[in-house]
Amino acid sequence: MSKFVLECHDLNKTYRDGATKIEILRKVQLQVNSSEVISIVGNSGSGKSTLLHLLGGLDKPTSGKVFVAGKNVATLSENEKCYLRNRYLGFVYQFHHLLPEFTALENVSMPLLIRGTEPDVIRKKAAHLLDLVQLKNRMHHKLGELSGGERQRVAIARALVTDPSCILADEPTGNLDPTNAERVLELFVQLQKTYKTSVIMVTHDMRIAKLANRVLTIQNGELVSV
C-alpha cells in the first residue's frame, strides 16, 4: 500500500480538434499525503477541472499514471473504478449534482446504498452528517425546497458519508453568493479537520486557496507551486 492517498506520475492530456493537437496537461506530478489540503488555481481553461477528472478516474489520460490508495486506475475495469471511487474518494462540484427527486437524507445516503451498507446504518450516518452541516431540520426536504447554500452543504455531507481518503472539490463555493460561500467554506474546513480527509480543491479565489497546506497552479499545462 502506498503511503500517499492519491498520486499521479507524468500525467498528460491531449485533445484533437481536427488536425490540431491541443495539449491541456503535460508531465503532471502530484503526491497527496493523508489529511493534506491542496488548492489548485489557474486561469479558466488551464486544465484544473480536467486534472480533477483524471485524478478521480472519471476521464482517461493520454499518457501517465494515476494511483488511488496505491492502485493503478488504468489497470481497473469500470466496475473496479466505481468501487474505488465509492471506497476512497468523495466529490464536491460547483453545481451540486444532487438528485432532485430525492430528499436531502436520500441524497446523502446514496453512496452507502450503492455500497450495500445496512439500511439502519445508512440512515443513522446520513442523518448525523446532515446534523453536522446544520441541516437536521431540512433532511426530509427535496432540493426544490432548499437554498443554494443548503444544497451545497448536502453535497459536502454526501462526499463525506463514505469516510473517503480524499475529496476532490471543483469550485465548491463558485456558484454561491459571498455570504453563503463563506458559510459553506467554514463548514467544509471544519469537517475536513474533524474527519482528517485529504482534499484537492480547484478554485479561482486565492483567499480560499490560501487555506490549504499547499497551493499549486497550472502554467502551460504543468503543475507548479505558487
Protein backbone atom coordinates (compact mmCIF):
# COMPACT_ATOMS: atom_id res chain seq x y z
CA MET A 1 0.00 0.00 0.00
CA SER A 2 1.35 3.43 -0.98
CA LYS A 3 1.97 5.98 1.75
CA PHE A 4 0.11 8.50 -0.44
CA VAL A 5 -3.70 8.56 -0.59
CA LEU A 6 -3.53 9.68 -4.21
CA GLU A 7 -0.70 10.32 -6.69
CA CYS A 8 -0.03 10.76 -10.38
CA HIS A 9 3.11 10.48 -12.48
CA ASP A 10 3.89 12.07 -15.86
CA LEU A 11 0.20 12.74 -16.47
CA ASN A 12 -0.55 14.07 -19.96
CA LYS A 13 -3.87 15.00 -21.55
CA THR A 14 -4.17 15.99 -25.19
CA TYR A 15 -7.27 16.71 -27.26
CA ARG A 16 -7.52 16.79 -31.04
CA ASP A 17 -9.56 19.37 -32.91
CA GLY A 18 -9.32 18.17 -36.49
CA ALA A 19 -5.64 18.30 -37.40
CA THR A 20 -4.84 20.48 -34.37
CA LYS A 21 -3.44 18.89 -31.22
CA ILE A 22 -4.31 20.75 -28.02
CA GLU A 23 -2.10 19.89 -25.07
CA ILE A 24 -4.04 20.52 -21.84
CA LEU A 25 -1.78 18.87 -19.25
CA ARG A 26 1.79 17.66 -19.55
CA LYS A 27 4.05 15.70 -17.25
CA VAL A 28 1.94 16.46 -14.17
CA GLN A 29 3.35 15.05 -10.93
CA LEU A 30 1.37 15.07 -7.69
CA GLN A 31 1.54 13.19 -4.40
CA VAL A 32 -1.14 13.74 -1.77
CA ASN A 33 -0.45 12.94 1.87
CA SER A 34 -3.02 11.79 4.41
CA SER A 35 -5.12 14.71 5.79
CA GLU A 36 -3.40 17.17 3.42
CA VAL A 37 -5.36 20.02 1.80
CA ILE A 38 -4.14 21.11 -1.63
CA SER A 39 -5.56 24.00 -3.63
CA ILE A 40 -5.12 24.19 -7.39
CA VAL A 41 -5.53 27.61 -9.01
CA GLY A 42 -5.18 28.74 -12.61
CA ASN A 43 -6.82 30.62 -15.42
CA SER A 44 -10.11 29.49 -16.91
CA GLY A 45 -9.39 26.71 -19.40
CA SER A 46 -5.99 25.92 -17.90
CA GLY A 47 -6.94 22.31 -17.18
CA LYS A 48 -7.83 22.41 -13.46
CA SER A 49 -11.12 20.52 -13.80
CA THR A 50 -9.58 18.15 -16.34
CA LEU A 51 -6.91 17.26 -13.79
CA LEU A 52 -9.55 16.54 -11.12
CA HIS A 53 -11.44 14.28 -13.54
CA LEU A 54 -8.25 12.37 -14.30
CA LEU A 55 -7.39 12.01 -10.62
CA GLY A 56 -10.89 10.72 -9.89
CA GLY A 57 -10.82 8.18 -12.70
CA LEU A 58 -13.66 9.99 -14.48
CA ASP A 59 -11.52 10.59 -17.57
CA LYS A 60 -8.54 8.78 -19.10
CA PRO A 61 -5.14 10.43 -19.52
CA THR A 62 -3.42 10.42 -22.89
CA SER A 63 -0.43 9.00 -21.02
CA GLY A 64 0.84 8.75 -17.46
CA LYS A 65 -0.49 7.01 -14.37
CA VAL A 66 -2.90 7.77 -11.53
CA PHE A 67 -2.80 5.79 -8.28
CA VAL A 68 -5.62 5.88 -5.73
CA ALA A 69 -4.82 4.08 -2.46
CA GLY A 70 -1.87 2.51 -4.25
CA LYS A 71 -3.96 1.09 -7.10
CA ASN A 72 -3.18 1.98 -10.72
CA VAL A 73 -6.52 3.31 -12.02
CA ALA A 74 -5.65 2.47 -15.65
CA THR A 75 -5.50 -1.26 -14.89
CA LEU A 76 -9.02 -1.41 -13.42
CA SER A 77 -12.30 -2.35 -15.08
CA GLU A 78 -15.17 0.17 -14.97
CA ASN A 79 -16.76 -1.76 -12.08
CA GLU A 80 -13.47 -1.72 -10.19
CA LYS A 81 -13.12 2.04 -10.81
CA CYS A 82 -16.63 2.59 -9.43
CA TYR A 83 -15.75 0.55 -6.36
CA LEU A 84 -12.51 2.52 -5.90
CA ARG A 85 -14.32 5.87 -6.14
CA ASN A 86 -17.00 4.73 -3.71
CA ARG A 87 -14.45 3.40 -1.23
CA TYR A 88 -11.71 6.04 -1.31
CA LEU A 89 -12.96 9.26 -2.95
CA GLY A 90 -15.60 11.91 -2.37
CA PHE A 91 -16.66 14.53 -4.91
CA VAL A 92 -17.98 18.08 -4.47
CA TYR A 93 -18.79 20.10 -7.57
CA GLN A 94 -19.59 23.75 -8.26
CA PHE A 95 -23.08 22.61 -9.27
CA HIS A 96 -24.11 20.14 -6.59
CA HIS A 97 -25.07 17.19 -8.89
CA LEU A 98 -27.72 16.06 -6.41
CA LEU A 99 -30.82 14.14 -7.48
CA PRO A 100 -33.88 16.47 -7.38
CA GLU A 101 -36.45 13.71 -6.92
CA PHE A 102 -34.90 12.65 -3.60
CA THR A 103 -34.70 14.29 -0.18
CA ALA A 104 -31.51 15.60 1.39
CA LEU A 105 -31.31 12.45 3.52
CA GLU A 106 -31.77 10.18 0.50
CA ASN A 107 -29.12 12.05 -1.50
CA VAL A 108 -26.57 11.74 1.29
CA SER A 109 -27.47 8.04 1.70
CA MET A 110 -26.91 7.20 -1.97
CA PRO A 111 -23.16 6.28 -1.87
CA LEU A 112 -23.78 3.90 1.05
CA LEU A 113 -26.81 2.37 -0.68
CA ILE A 114 -24.57 1.68 -3.69
CA ARG A 115 -22.04 0.09 -1.35
CA GLY A 116 -24.72 -2.20 0.13
CA THR A 117 -24.50 -0.92 3.70
CA GLU A 118 -27.25 -1.93 6.14
CA PRO A 119 -30.26 0.47 5.91
CA ASP A 120 -30.21 1.34 9.63
CA VAL A 121 -26.51 2.19 9.48
CA ILE A 122 -27.06 4.33 6.36
CA ARG A 123 -29.92 6.28 7.90
CA LYS A 124 -28.00 6.94 11.11
CA LYS A 125 -24.81 8.05 9.39
CA ALA A 126 -26.53 10.23 6.77
CA ALA A 127 -28.64 11.92 9.46
CA HIS A 128 -25.52 12.53 11.58
CA LEU A 129 -23.71 14.23 8.72
CA LEU A 130 -26.71 16.40 7.87
CA ASP A 131 -26.76 17.43 11.52
CA LEU A 132 -23.06 18.36 11.27
CA VAL A 133 -23.75 20.59 8.25
CA GLN A 134 -26.60 22.23 10.16
CA LEU A 135 -29.43 20.68 8.15
CA LYS A 136 -31.00 18.48 10.82
CA ASN A 137 -34.39 20.13 10.30
CA ARG A 138 -34.16 20.02 6.50
CA MET A 139 -33.17 16.39 5.91
CA HIS A 140 -36.61 15.32 4.64
CA HIS A 141 -36.89 18.25 2.21
CA LYS A 142 -36.36 17.81 -1.52
CA LEU A 143 -33.92 20.00 -3.45
CA GLY A 144 -36.57 22.41 -4.64
CA GLU A 145 -37.20 23.35 -1.01
CA LEU A 146 -33.52 24.04 -0.25
CA SER A 147 -31.45 27.13 -0.93
CA GLY A 148 -28.24 27.04 -2.98
CA GLY A 149 -26.11 27.09 0.16
CA GLU A 150 -28.16 24.29 1.73
CA ARG A 151 -27.82 22.15 -1.41
CA GLN A 152 -24.05 22.56 -1.37
CA ARG A 153 -23.96 21.53 2.29
CA VAL A 154 -25.91 18.40 1.34
CA ALA A 155 -23.29 17.75 -1.36
CA ILE A 156 -20.49 18.04 1.21
CA ALA A 157 -22.30 15.63 3.56
CA ARG A 158 -22.72 13.18 0.67
CA ALA A 159 -18.99 13.42 -0.13
CA LEU A 160 -18.07 12.58 3.47
CA VAL A 161 -20.60 9.82 4.16
CA THR A 162 -18.30 7.03 2.92
CA ASP A 163 -15.31 8.22 5.02
CA PRO A 164 -13.20 8.83 1.90
CA SER A 165 -9.42 9.11 1.94
CA CYS A 166 -9.60 12.14 -0.35
CA ILE A 167 -12.22 14.62 -1.50
CA LEU A 168 -11.97 16.17 -4.97
CA ALA A 169 -13.69 19.56 -4.88
CA ASP A 170 -14.21 21.57 -8.07
CA GLU A 171 -15.04 25.22 -7.22
CA PRO A 172 -17.20 24.06 -4.27
CA THR A 173 -18.37 27.61 -3.48
CA GLY A 174 -18.20 29.04 -7.00
CA ASN A 175 -21.96 29.04 -7.54
CA LEU A 176 -22.84 30.77 -4.27
CA ASP A 177 -23.17 34.39 -3.19
CA PRO A 178 -20.32 35.65 -0.94
CA THR A 179 -22.22 35.16 2.35
CA ASN A 180 -23.27 31.58 1.58
CA ALA A 181 -19.86 30.81 0.11
CA GLU A 182 -18.19 31.81 3.37
CA ARG A 183 -20.60 29.72 5.48
CA VAL A 184 -20.15 26.64 3.29
CA LEU A 185 -16.37 27.07 3.23
CA GLU A 186 -16.19 27.36 7.03
CA LEU A 187 -18.16 24.12 7.36
CA PHE A 188 -16.03 22.40 4.76
CA VAL A 189 -12.80 23.35 6.56
CA GLN A 190 -14.23 22.32 9.94
CA LEU A 191 -15.37 18.93 8.63
CA GLN A 192 -12.04 18.30 6.91
CA LYS A 193 -10.28 18.77 10.23
CA THR A 194 -12.79 16.55 12.04
CA TYR A 195 -12.60 13.70 9.52
CA LYS A 196 -8.89 14.23 8.65
CA THR A 197 -9.74 13.73 4.99
CA SER A 198 -7.32 14.83 2.29
CA VAL A 199 -8.73 17.45 -0.06
CA ILE A 200 -7.75 18.57 -3.55
CA MET A 201 -9.69 21.75 -4.27
CA VAL A 202 -9.85 23.67 -7.51
CA THR A 203 -10.63 27.36 -7.00
CA HIS A 204 -10.15 30.69 -8.74
CA ASP A 205 -10.21 32.52 -5.38
CA MET A 206 -6.74 32.95 -3.85
CA ARG A 207 -8.31 33.79 -0.47
CA ILE A 208 -9.85 30.31 -0.42
CA ALA A 209 -6.74 28.71 -1.92
CA LYS A 210 -4.54 30.03 0.89
CA LEU A 211 -6.47 27.96 3.45
CA ALA A 212 -4.69 24.90 2.03
CA ASN A 213 -1.42 23.32 3.15
CA ARG A 214 -0.14 23.67 -0.41
CA VAL A 215 -1.18 25.98 -3.24
CA LEU A 216 -0.40 24.82 -6.79
CA THR A 217 -1.14 26.36 -10.16
CA ILE A 218 -1.28 25.08 -13.72
CA GLN A 219 1.01 27.03 -16.05
CA ASN A 220 1.43 25.93 -19.66
CA GLY A 221 -0.07 22.57 -18.75
CA GLU A 222 2.35 21.91 -15.87
CA LEU A 223 1.54 21.82 -12.15
CA VAL A 224 3.83 24.09 -10.13
CA SER A 225 3.97 25.53 -6.60
CA VAL A 226 2.74 29.08 -6.05
